[in-house]
Amino acid sequence: FEVDEDGEGIVDAPKGRAGNYTNAEDILLCNTWLQVSRDPSVGGDQSRDAYWNRMKEHFDVRNVSGIDRSERSLRSRWSTINKDCQKWAAAQKAVDK
């Protein structure tokens, strides 16, 4: 915590970086992607910002971890998960051949 300019009240300090994502948050993010990306009422015709606003709203409503994840953090985590899933899918495809 920090003290305000007059030295009287306590002001919240900047939040800084939150901890690593939990397994539950990863699962929630994957479920969020499924719900938002497959919503037939919106479809694929939306801007990146609109899409990630919807992702964050959906994630926030269902997040019980108590950690507020930024839209940027969600995008970054999803990128990591998606990259790993693509590697797994490629490996699975090679095994199937």
PDB file of N, CA and C in Angstrom:
ATOM      1  N   PHE A   1       0.821  -1.187   0.000  1.00  0.00           N
ATOM      2  CA  PHE A   1       0.000   0.000   0.000  1.00  0.00           C
ATOM      3  C   PHE A   1       0.864   1.249   0.000  1.00  0.00           C
ATOM      4  N   GLU A   2       0.320   2.321  -0.494  1.00  0.00           N
ATOM      5  CA  GLU A   2       1.011   3.591  -0.513  1.00  0.00           C
ATOM      6  C   GLU A   2       0.163   4.625   0.205  1.00  0.00           C
ATOM      7  N   VAL A   3       0.807   5.681   0.700  1.00  0.00           N
ATOM      8  CA  VAL A   3       0.107   6.776   1.370  1.00  0.00           C
ATOM      9  C   VAL A   3      -0.194   7.840   0.333  1.00  0.00           C
ATOM     10  N   ASP A   4      -1.367   8.510   0.451  1.00  0.00           N
ATOM     11  CA  ASP A   4      -1.710   9.548  -0.517  1.00  0.00           C
ATOM     12  C   ASP A   4      -0.820  10.780  -0.355  1.00  0.00           C
ATOM     13  N   GLU A   5      -1.026  11.776  -1.212  1.00  0.00           N
ATOM     14  CA  GLU A   5      -0.156  12.959  -1.245  1.00  0.00           C
ATOM     15  C   GLU A   5      -0.108  13.708   0.081  1.00  0.00           C
ATOM     16  N   ASP A   6      -1.198  13.731   0.814  1.00  0.00           N
ATOM     17  CA  ASP A   6      -1.251  14.445   2.090  1.00  0.00           C
ATOM     18  C   ASP A   6      -0.674  13.612   3.231  1.00  0.00           C
ATOM     19  N   GLY A   7      -0.314  12.383   2.961  1.00  0.00           N
ATOM     20  CA  GLY A   7       0.249  11.526   3.991  1.00  0.00           C
ATOM     21  C   GLY A   7      -0.790  10.988   4.951  1.00  0.00           C
ATOM     22  N   GLU A   8      -2.059  11.037   4.548  1.00  0.00           N
ATOM     23  CA  GLU A   8      -3.131  10.633   5.462  1.00  0.00           C
ATOM     24  C   GLU A   8      -3.749   9.287   5.092  1.00  0.00           C
ATOM     25  N   GLY A   9      -4.294   9.191   3.904  1.00  0.00           N
ATOM     26  CA  GLY A   9      -5.028   7.987   3.522  1.00  0.00           C
ATOM     27  C   GLY A   9      -4.142   6.975   2.841  1.00  0.00           C
ATOM     28  N   ILE A  10      -4.614   5.764   2.788  1.00  0.00           N
ATOM     29  CA  ILE A  10      -3.884   4.691   2.109  1.00  0.00           C
ATOM     30  C   ILE A  10      -4.503   4.507   0.730  1.00  0.00           C
ATOM     31  N   VAL A  11      -3.643   4.448  -0.245  1.00  0.00           N
ATOM     32  CA  VAL A  11      -4.062   4.273  -1.631  1.00  0.00           C
ATOM     33  C   VAL A  11      -3.545   2.917  -2.092  1.00  0.00           C
ATOM     34  N   ASP A  12      -4.341   2.215  -2.877  1.00  0.00           N
ATOM     35  CA  ASP A  12      -3.874   0.935  -3.413  1.00  0.00           C
ATOM     36  C   ASP A  12      -2.659   1.159  -4.299  1.00  0.00           C
ATOM     37  N   ALA A  13      -1.658   0.359  -4.089  1.00  0.00           N
ATOM     38  CA  ALA A  13      -0.459   0.419  -4.932  1.00  0.00           C
ATOM     39  C   ALA A  13      -0.782  -0.235  -6.272  1.00  0.00           C
ATOM     40  N   PRO A  14      -0.006   0.056  -7.299  1.00  0.00           N
ATOM     41  CA  PRO A  14      -0.227  -0.623  -8.579  1.00  0.00           C
ATOM     42  C   PRO A  14      -0.187  -2.132  -8.393  1.00  0.00           C
ATOM     43  N   LYS A  15      -1.010  -2.817  -9.142  1.00  0.00           N
ATOM     44  CA  LYS A  15      -1.185  -4.250  -8.919  1.00  0.00           C
ATOM     45  C   LYS A  15      -0.001  -5.092  -9.341  1.00  0.00           C
ATOM     46  N   GLY A  16       0.657  -4.776 -10.406  1.00  0.00           N
ATOM     47  CA  GLY A  16       1.774  -5.605 -10.834  1.00  0.00           C
ATOM     48  C   GLY A  16       1.290  -6.895 -11.476  1.00  0.00           C
ATOM     49  N   ARG A  17       2.173  -7.820 -11.621  1.00  0.00           N
ATOM     50  CA  ARG A  17       1.888  -9.062 -12.316  1.00  0.00           C
ATOM     51  C   ARG A  17       1.220 -10.071 -11.389  1.00  0.00           C
ATOM     52  N   ALA A  18       0.183 -10.710 -11.893  1.00  0.00           N
ATOM     53  CA  ALA A  18      -0.486 -11.776 -11.139  1.00  0.00           C
ATOM     54  C   ALA A  18       0.323 -13.062 -11.300  1.00  0.00           C
ATOM     55  N   GLY A  19       0.008 -14.046 -10.518  1.00  0.00           N
ATOM     56  CA  GLY A  19       0.720 -15.321 -10.578  1.00  0.00           C
ATOM     57  C   GLY A  19       0.370 -16.112 -11.817  1.00  0.00           C
ATOM     58  N   ASN A  20       0.962 -17.283 -11.907  1.00  0.00           N
ATOM     59  CA  ASN A  20       0.707 -18.168 -13.034  1.00  0.00           C
ATOM     60  C   ASN A  20      -0.754 -18.591 -13.069  1.00  0.00           C
ATOM     61  N   TYR A  21      -1.193 -18.967 -14.242  1.00  0.00           N
ATOM     62  CA  TYR A  21      -2.554 -19.477 -14.393  1.00  0.00           C
ATOM     63  C   TYR A  21      -2.655 -20.854 -13.740  1.00  0.00           C
ATOM     64  N   THR A  22      -3.759 -21.095 -13.088  1.00  0.00           N
ATOM     65  CA  THR A  22      -4.007 -22.406 -12.506  1.00  0.00           C
ATOM     66  C   THR A  22      -4.588 -23.325 -13.579  1.00  0.00           C
ATOM     67  N   ASN A  23      -4.628 -24.609 -13.297  1.00  0.00           N
ATOM     68  CA  ASN A  23      -5.266 -25.539 -14.235  1.00  0.00           C
ATOM     69  C   ASN A  23      -6.725 -25.177 -14.443  1.00  0.00           C
ATOM     70  N   ALA A  24      -7.395 -24.781 -13.374  1.00  0.00           N
ATOM     71  CA  ALA A  24      -8.809 -24.408 -13.478  1.00  0.00           C
ATOM     72  C   ALA A  24      -8.983 -23.192 -14.390  1.00  0.00           C
ATOM     73  N   GLU A  25      -8.071 -22.231 -14.284  1.00  0.00           N
ATOM     74  CA  GLU A  25      -8.163 -21.055 -15.158  1.00  0.00           C
ATOM     75  C   GLU A  25      -7.873 -21.425 -16.609  1.00  0.00           C
ATOM     76  N   ASP A  26      -6.920 -22.325 -16.840  1.00  0.00           N
ATOM     77  CA  ASP A  26      -6.646 -22.789 -18.199  1.00  0.00           C
ATOM     78  C   ASP A  26      -7.872 -23.473 -18.792  1.00  0.00           C
ATOM     79  N   ILE A  27      -8.507 -24.317 -18.011  1.00  0.00           N
ATOM     80  CA  ILE A  27      -9.716 -25.005 -18.478  1.00  0.00           C
ATOM     81  C   ILE A  27     -10.817 -23.991 -18.763  1.00  0.00           C
ATOM     82  N   LEU A  28     -10.969 -23.015 -17.870  1.00  0.00           N
ATOM     83  CA  LEU A  28     -11.973 -21.978 -18.081  1.00  0.00           C
ATOM     84  C   LEU A  28     -11.677 -21.201 -19.357  1.00  0.00           C
ATOM     85  N   LEU A  29     -10.416 -20.875 -19.601  1.00  0.00           N
ATOM     86  CA  LEU A  29     -10.066 -20.139 -20.810  1.00  0.00           C
ATOM     87  C   LEU A  29     -10.374 -20.958 -22.060  1.00  0.00           C
ATOM     88  N   CYS A  30     -10.104 -22.251 -22.019  1.00  0.00           N
ATOM     89  CA  CYS A  30     -10.433 -23.123 -23.155  1.00  0.00           C
ATOM     90  C   CYS A  30     -11.942 -23.195 -23.373  1.00  0.00           C
ATOM     91  N   ASN A  31     -12.694 -23.339 -22.295  1.00  0.00           N
ATOM     92  CA  ASN A  31     -14.160 -23.362 -22.402  1.00  0.00           C
ATOM     93  C   ASN A  31     -14.695 -22.021 -22.892  1.00  0.00           C
ATOM     94  N   THR A  32     -14.068 -20.950 -22.451  1.00  0.00           N
ATOM     95  CA  THR A  32     -14.460 -19.617 -22.918  1.00  0.00           C
ATOM     96  C   THR A  32     -14.243 -19.501 -24.417  1.00  0.00           C
ATOM     97  N   TRP A  33     -13.088 -19.976 -24.888  1.00  0.00           N
ATOM     98  CA  TRP A  33     -12.810 -19.945 -26.323  1.00  0.00           C
ATOM     99  C   TRP A  33     -13.871 -20.727 -27.096  1.00  0.00           C
ATOM    100  N   LEU A  34     -14.217 -21.908 -26.583  1.00  0.00           N
ATOM    101  CA  LEU A  34     -15.242 -22.709 -27.261  1.00  0.00           C
ATOM    102  C   LEU A  34     -16.567 -21.967 -27.346  1.00  0.00           C
ATOM    103  N   GLN A  35     -16.994 -21.363 -26.249  1.00  0.00           N
ATOM    104  CA  GLN A  35     -18.284 -20.669 -26.218  1.00  0.00           C
ATOM    105  C   GLN A  35     -18.291 -19.437 -27.110  1.00  0.00           C
ATOM    106  N   VAL A  36     -17.263 -18.615 -26.999  1.00  0.00           N
ATOM    107  CA  VAL A  36     -17.233 -17.346 -27.727  1.00  0.00           C
ATOM    108  C   VAL A  36     -16.981 -17.555 -29.218  1.00  0.00           C
ATOM    109  N   SER A  37     -16.057 -18.420 -29.555  1.00  0.00           N
ATOM    110  CA  SER A  37     -15.704 -18.598 -30.968  1.00  0.00           C
ATOM    111  C   SER A  37     -16.767 -19.347 -31.753  1.00  0.00           C
ATOM    112  N   ARG A  38     -17.581 -20.107 -31.071  1.00  0.00           N
ATOM    113  CA  ARG A  38     -18.616 -20.888 -31.760  1.00  0.00           C
ATOM    114  C   ARG A  38     -20.015 -20.316 -31.584  1.00  0.00           C
ATOM    115  N   ASP A  39     -20.113 -19.096 -31.104  1.00  0.00           N
ATOM    116  CA  ASP A  39     -21.416 -18.455 -30.905  1.00  0.00           C
ATOM    117  C   ASP A  39     -22.028 -18.122 -32.261  1.00  0.00           C
ATOM    118  N   PRO A  40     -23.107 -18.823 -32.659  1.00  0.00           N
ATOM    119  CA  PRO A  40     -23.678 -18.595 -33.984  1.00  0.00           C
ATOM    120  C   PRO A  40     -24.328 -17.211 -34.139  1.00  0.00           C
ATOM    121  N   SER A  41     -24.658 -16.573 -33.037  1.00  0.00           N
ATOM    122  CA  SER A  41     -25.303 -15.260 -33.141  1.00  0.00           C
ATOM    123  C   SER A  41     -24.318 -14.179 -33.564  1.00  0.00           C
ATOM    124  N   VAL A  42     -23.013 -14.431 -33.385  1.00  0.00           N
ATOM    125  CA  VAL A  42     -21.997 -13.450 -33.765  1.00  0.00           C
ATOM    126  C   VAL A  42     -21.188 -13.942 -34.950  1.00  0.00           C
ATOM    127  N   GLY A  43     -20.790 -15.190 -34.909  1.00  0.00           N
ATOM    128  CA  GLY A  43     -20.001 -15.757 -35.990  1.00  0.00           C
ATOM    129  C   GLY A  43     -18.583 -15.238 -35.995  1.00  0.00           C
ATOM    130  N   GLY A  44     -17.923 -15.404 -37.100  1.00  0.00           N
ATOM    131  CA  GLY A  44     -16.531 -15.011 -37.215  1.00  0.00           C
ATOM    132  C   GLY A  44     -16.330 -13.585 -37.689  1.00  0.00           C
ATOM    133  N   ASP A  45     -17.423 -12.881 -37.929  1.00  0.00           N
ATOM    134  CA  ASP A  45     -17.320 -11.533 -38.475  1.00  0.00           C
ATOM    135  C   ASP A  45     -17.305 -10.500 -37.352  1.00  0.00           C
ATOM    136  N   GLN A  46     -16.178 -10.442 -36.640  1.00  0.00           N
ATOM    137  CA  GLN A  46     -16.024  -9.463 -35.577  1.00  0.00           C
ATOM    138  C   GLN A  46     -14.560  -9.054 -35.493  1.00  0.00           C
ATOM    139  N   SER A  47     -14.323  -7.850 -35.005  1.00  0.00           N
ATOM    140  CA  SER A  47     -12.948  -7.372 -34.897  1.00  0.00           C
ATOM    141  C   SER A  47     -12.220  -8.121 -33.790  1.00  0.00           C
ATOM    142  N   ARG A  48     -10.892  -8.051 -33.824  1.00  0.00           N
ATOM    143  CA  ARG A  48     -10.088  -8.686 -32.779  1.00  0.00           C
ATOM    144  C   ARG A  48     -10.440  -8.118 -31.414  1.00  0.00           C
ATOM    145  N   ASP A  49     -10.604  -6.794 -31.346  1.00  0.00           N
ATOM    146  CA  ASP A  49     -10.927  -6.164 -30.064  1.00  0.00           C
ATOM    147  C   ASP A  49     -12.290  -6.606 -29.550  1.00  0.00           C
ATOM    148  N   ALA A  50     -13.262  -6.679 -30.435  1.00  0.00           N
ATOM    149  CA  ALA A  50     -14.603  -7.120 -30.028  1.00  0.00           C
ATOM    150  C   ALA A  50     -14.561  -8.570 -29.549  1.00  0.00           C
ATOM    151  N   TYR A  51     -13.819  -9.393 -30.274  1.00  0.00           N
ATOM    152  CA  TYR A  51     -13.692 -10.804 -29.905  1.00  0.00           C
ATOM    153  C   TYR A  51     -13.076 -10.951 -28.520  1.00  0.00           C
ATOM    154  N   TRP A  52     -11.964 -10.243 -28.247  1.00  0.00           N
ATOM    155  CA  TRP A  52     -11.296 -10.386 -26.956  1.00  0.00           C
ATOM    156  C   TRP A  52     -12.053  -9.691 -25.836  1.00  0.00           C
ATOM    157  N   ASN A  53     -12.845  -8.674 -26.152  1.00  0.00           N
ATOM    158  CA  ASN A  53     -13.739  -8.104 -25.131  1.00  0.00           C
ATOM    159  C   ASN A  53     -14.760  -9.146 -24.698  1.00  0.00           C
ATOM    160  N   ARG A  54     -15.305  -9.869 -25.661  1.00  0.00           N
ATOM    161  CA  ARG A  54     -16.262 -10.923 -25.341  1.00  0.00           C
ATOM    162  C   ARG A  54     -15.594 -12.052 -24.563  1.00  0.00           C
ATOM    163  N   MET A  55     -14.364 -12.400 -24.947  1.00  0.00           N
ATOM    164  CA  MET A  55     -13.619 -13.435 -24.221  1.00  0.00           C
ATOM    165  C   MET A  55     -13.426 -13.023 -22.761  1.00  0.00           C
ATOM    166  N   LYS A  56     -12.994 -11.787 -22.537  1.00  0.00           N
ATOM    167  CA  LYS A  56     -12.748 -11.322 -21.173  1.00  0.00           C
ATOM    168  C   LYS A  56     -14.039 -11.294 -20.361  1.00  0.00           C
ATOM    169  N   GLU A  57     -15.109 -10.785 -20.946  1.00  0.00           N
ATOM    170  CA  GLU A  57     -16.394 -10.749 -20.234  1.00  0.00           C
ATOM    171  C   GLU A  57     -16.828 -12.154 -19.823  1.00  0.00           C
ATOM    172  N   HIS A  58     -16.763 -13.089 -20.751  1.00  0.00           N
ATOM    173  CA  HIS A  58     -17.172 -14.469 -20.469  1.00  0.00           C
ATOM    174  C   HIS A  58     -16.283 -15.072 -19.386  1.00  0.00           C
ATOM    175  N   PHE A  59     -14.969 -14.872 -19.506  1.00  0.00           N
ATOM    176  CA  PHE A  59     -14.013 -15.404 -18.534  1.00  0.00           C
ATOM    177  C   PHE A  59     -14.260 -14.801 -17.154  1.00  0.00           C
ATOM    178  N   ASP A  60     -14.426 -13.478 -17.086  1.00  0.00           N
ATOM    179  CA  ASP A  60     -14.594 -12.798 -15.803  1.00  0.00           C
ATOM    180  C   ASP A  60     -15.830 -13.267 -15.044  1.00  0.00           C
ATOM    181  N   VAL A  61     -16.910 -13.489 -15.765  1.00  0.00           N
ATOM    182  CA  VAL A  61     -18.156 -13.914 -15.120  1.00  0.00           C
ATOM    183  C   VAL A  61     -17.992 -15.273 -14.451  1.00  0.00           C
ATOM    184  N   ARG A  62     -17.199 -16.134 -15.040  1.00  0.00           N
ATOM    185  CA  ARG A  62     -17.064 -17.507 -14.550  1.00  0.00           C
ATOM    186  C   ARG A  62     -15.799 -17.757 -13.729  1.00  0.00           C
ATOM    187  N   ASN A  63     -14.928 -16.769 -13.646  1.00  0.00           N
ATOM    188  CA  ASN A  63     -13.655 -16.934 -12.941  1.00  0.00           C
ATOM    189  C   ASN A  63     -13.872 -16.855 -11.429  1.00  0.00           C
ATOM    190  N   VAL A  64     -13.526 -17.913 -10.725  1.00  0.00           N
ATOM    191  CA  VAL A  64     -13.685 -17.953  -9.269  1.00  0.00           C
ATOM    192  C   VAL A  64     -12.345 -17.885  -8.538  1.00  0.00           C
ATOM    193  N   SER A  65     -11.263 -17.645  -9.284  1.00  0.00           N
ATOM    194  CA  SER A  65      -9.932 -17.645  -8.666  1.00  0.00           C
ATOM    195  C   SER A  65      -9.679 -16.397  -7.828  1.00  0.00           C
ATOM    196  N   GLY A  66     -10.434 -15.332  -8.088  1.00  0.00           N
ATOM    197  CA  GLY A  66     -10.200 -14.082  -7.371  1.00  0.00           C
ATOM    198  C   GLY A  66      -9.107 -13.231  -7.994  1.00  0.00           C
ATOM    199  N   ILE A  67      -8.496 -13.722  -9.068  1.00  0.00           N
ATOM    200  CA  ILE A  67      -7.449 -12.975  -9.765  1.00  0.00           C
ATOM    201  C   ILE A  67      -8.058 -12.353 -11.010  1.00  0.00           C
ATOM    202  N   ASP A  68      -7.920 -11.035 -11.132  1.00  0.00           N
ATOM    203  CA  ASP A  68      -8.428 -10.337 -12.306  1.00  0.00           C
ATOM    204  C   ASP A  68      -7.391 -10.431 -13.414  1.00  0.00           C
ATOM    205  N   ARG A  69      -7.712 -11.127 -14.471  1.00  0.00           N
ATOM    206  CA  ARG A  69      -6.817 -11.290 -15.605  1.00  0.00           C
ATOM    207  C   ARG A  69      -7.148 -10.234 -16.657  1.00  0.00           C
ATOM    208  N   SER A  70      -6.137  -9.555 -17.136  1.00  0.00           N
ATOM    209  CA  SER A  70      -6.350  -8.541 -18.168  1.00  0.00           C
ATOM    210  C   SER A  70      -6.618  -9.216 -19.506  1.00  0.00           C
ATOM    211  N   GLU A  71      -7.174  -8.444 -20.416  1.00  0.00           N
ATOM    212  CA  GLU A  71      -7.423  -8.961 -21.761  1.00  0.00           C
ATOM    213  C   GLU A  71      -6.101  -9.374 -22.411  1.00  0.00           C
ATOM    214  N   ARG A  72      -5.078  -8.587 -22.202  1.00  0.00           N
ATOM    215  CA  ARG A  72      -3.756  -8.903 -22.755  1.00  0.00           C
ATOM    216  C   ARG A  72      -3.221 -10.214 -22.176  1.00  0.00           C
ATOM    217  N   SER A  73      -3.412 -10.409 -20.882  1.00  0.00           N
ATOM    218  CA  SER A  73      -2.969 -11.639 -20.241  1.00  0.00           C
ATOM    219  C   SER A  73      -3.713 -12.842 -20.803  1.00  0.00           C
ATOM    220  N   LEU A  74      -5.015 -12.698 -21.007  1.00  0.00           N
ATOM    221  CA  LEU A  74      -5.806 -13.788 -21.575  1.00  0.00           C
ATOM    222  C   LEU A  74      -5.333 -14.122 -22.986  1.00  0.00           C
ATOM    223  N   ARG A  75      -5.084 -13.086 -23.790  1.00  0.00           N
ATOM    224  CA  ARG A  75      -4.598 -13.310 -25.156  1.00  0.00           C
ATOM    225  C   ARG A  75      -3.261 -14.053 -25.138  1.00  0.00           C
ATOM    226  N   SER A  76      -2.375 -13.632 -24.256  1.00  0.00           N
ATOM    227  CA  SER A  76      -1.059 -14.256 -24.174  1.00  0.00           C
ATOM    228  C   SER A  76      -1.166 -15.715 -23.742  1.00  0.00           C
ATOM    229  N   ARG A  77      -1.978 -15.971 -22.729  1.00  0.00           N
ATOM    230  CA  ARG A  77      -2.134 -17.341 -22.245  1.00  0.00           C
ATOM    231  C   ARG A  77      -2.781 -18.213 -23.309  1.00  0.00           C
ATOM    232  N   TRP A  78      -3.798 -17.667 -23.999  1.00  0.00           N
ATOM    233  CA  TRP A  78      -4.460 -18.440 -25.047  1.00  0.00           C
ATOM    234  C   TRP A  78      -3.476 -18.762 -26.166  1.00  0.00           C
ATOM    235  N   SER A  79      -2.598 -17.834 -26.486  1.00  0.00           N
ATOM    236  CA  SER A  79      -1.595 -18.070 -27.517  1.00  0.00           C
ATOM    237  C   SER A  79      -0.713 -19.259 -27.144  1.00  0.00           C
ATOM    238  N   THR A  80      -0.305 -19.328 -25.894  1.00  0.00           N
ATOM    239  CA  THR A  80       0.530 -20.438 -25.425  1.00  0.00           C
ATOM    240  C   THR A  80      -0.231 -21.753 -25.495  1.00  0.00           C
ATOM    241  N   ILE A  81      -1.458 -21.755 -25.003  1.00  0.00           N
ATOM    242  CA  ILE A  81      -2.278 -22.973 -25.020  1.00  0.00           C
ATOM    243  C   ILE A  81      -2.519 -23.422 -26.455  1.00  0.00           C
ATOM    244  N   ASN A  82      -2.879 -22.482 -27.324  1.00  0.00           N
ATOM    245  CA  ASN A  82      -3.188 -22.806 -28.713  1.00  0.00           C
ATOM    246  C   ASN A  82      -1.960 -23.367 -29.432  1.00  0.00           C
ATOM    247  N   LYS A  83      -0.796 -22.778 -29.194  1.00  0.00           N
ATOM    248  CA  LYS A  83       0.430 -23.264 -29.818  1.00  0.00           C
ATOM    249  C   LYS A  83       0.709 -24.702 -29.380  1.00  0.00           C
ATOM    250  N   ASP A  84       0.548 -24.976 -28.090  1.00  0.00           N
ATOM    251  CA  ASP A  84       0.775 -26.335 -27.588  1.00  0.00           C
ATOM    252  C   ASP A  84      -0.239 -27.318 -28.162  1.00  0.00           C
ATOM    253  N   CYS A  85      -1.470 -26.884 -28.318  1.00  0.00           N
ATOM    254  CA  CYS A  85      -2.501 -27.751 -28.903  1.00  0.00           C
ATOM    255  C   CYS A  85      -2.199 -28.058 -30.363  1.00  0.00           C
ATOM    256  N   GLN A  86      -1.693 -27.067 -31.090  1.00  0.00           N
ATOM    257  CA  GLN A  86      -1.328 -27.280 -32.491  1.00  0.00           C
ATOM    258  C   GLN A  86      -0.186 -28.295 -32.612  1.00  0.00           C
ATOM    259  N   LYS A  87       0.784 -28.211 -31.705  1.00  0.00           N
ATOM    260  CA  LYS A  87       1.892 -29.185 -31.705  1.00  0.00           C
ATOM    261  C   LYS A  87       1.370 -30.588 -31.421  1.00  0.00           C
ATOM    262  N   TRP A  88       0.457 -30.686 -30.455  1.00  0.00           N
ATOM    263  CA  TRP A  88      -0.106 -31.985 -30.105  1.00  0.00           C
ATOM    264  C   TRP A  88      -0.896 -32.551 -31.283  1.00  0.00           C
ATOM    265  N   ALA A  89      -1.682 -31.708 -31.937  1.00  0.00           N
ATOM    266  CA  ALA A  89      -2.493 -32.156 -33.075  1.00  0.00           C
ATOM    267  C   ALA A  89      -1.592 -32.630 -34.207  1.00  0.00           C
ATOM    268  N   ALA A  90      -0.482 -31.936 -34.442  1.00  0.00           N
ATOM    269  CA  ALA A  90       0.453 -32.353 -35.484  1.00  0.00           C
ATOM    270  C   ALA A  90       1.091 -33.691 -35.135  1.00  0.00           C
ATOM    271  N   ALA A  91       1.457 -33.873 -33.868  1.00  0.00           N
ATOM    272  CA  ALA A  91       2.043 -35.133 -33.448  1.00  0.00           C
ATOM    273  C   ALA A  91       1.034 -36.268 -33.575  1.00  0.00           C
ATOM    274  N   GLN A  92      -0.198 -35.996 -33.201  1.00  0.00           N
ATOM    275  CA  GLN A  92      -1.271 -36.999 -33.302  1.00  0.00           C
ATOM    276  C   GLN A  92      -1.513 -37.381 -34.761  1.00  0.00           C
ATOM    277  N   LYS A  93      -1.478 -36.384 -35.634  1.00  0.00           N
ATOM    278  CA  LYS A  93      -1.673 -36.640 -37.063  1.00  0.00           C
ATOM    279  C   LYS A  93      -0.550 -37.522 -37.613  1.00  0.00           C
ATOM    280  N   ALA A  94       0.698 -37.253 -37.144  1.00  0.00           N
ATOM    281  CA  ALA A  94       1.835 -38.071 -37.583  1.00  0.00           C
ATOM    282  C   ALA A  94       1.700 -39.506 -37.098  1.00  0.00           C
ATOM    283  N   VAL A  95       1.228 -39.683 -35.895  1.00  0.00           N
ATOM    284  CA  VAL A  95       1.025 -41.038 -35.353  1.00  0.00           C
ATOM    285  C   VAL A  95      -0.071 -41.761 -36.133  1.00  0.00           C
ATOM    286  N   ASP A  96      -1.130 -41.047 -36.472  1.00  0.00           N
ATOM    287  CA  ASP A  96      -2.229 -41.660 -37.208  1.00  0.00           C
ATOM    288  C   ASP A  96      -1.820 -42.125 -38.602  1.00  0.00           C
ATOM    289  N   LYS A  97      -0.849 -41.421 -39.202  1.00  0.00           N
ATOM    290  CA  LYS A  97      -0.367 -41.818 -40.537  1.00  0.00           C
ATOM    291  C   LYS A  97       0.437 -43.087 -40.413  1.00  0.00           C
TER     292      LYS A  97
END
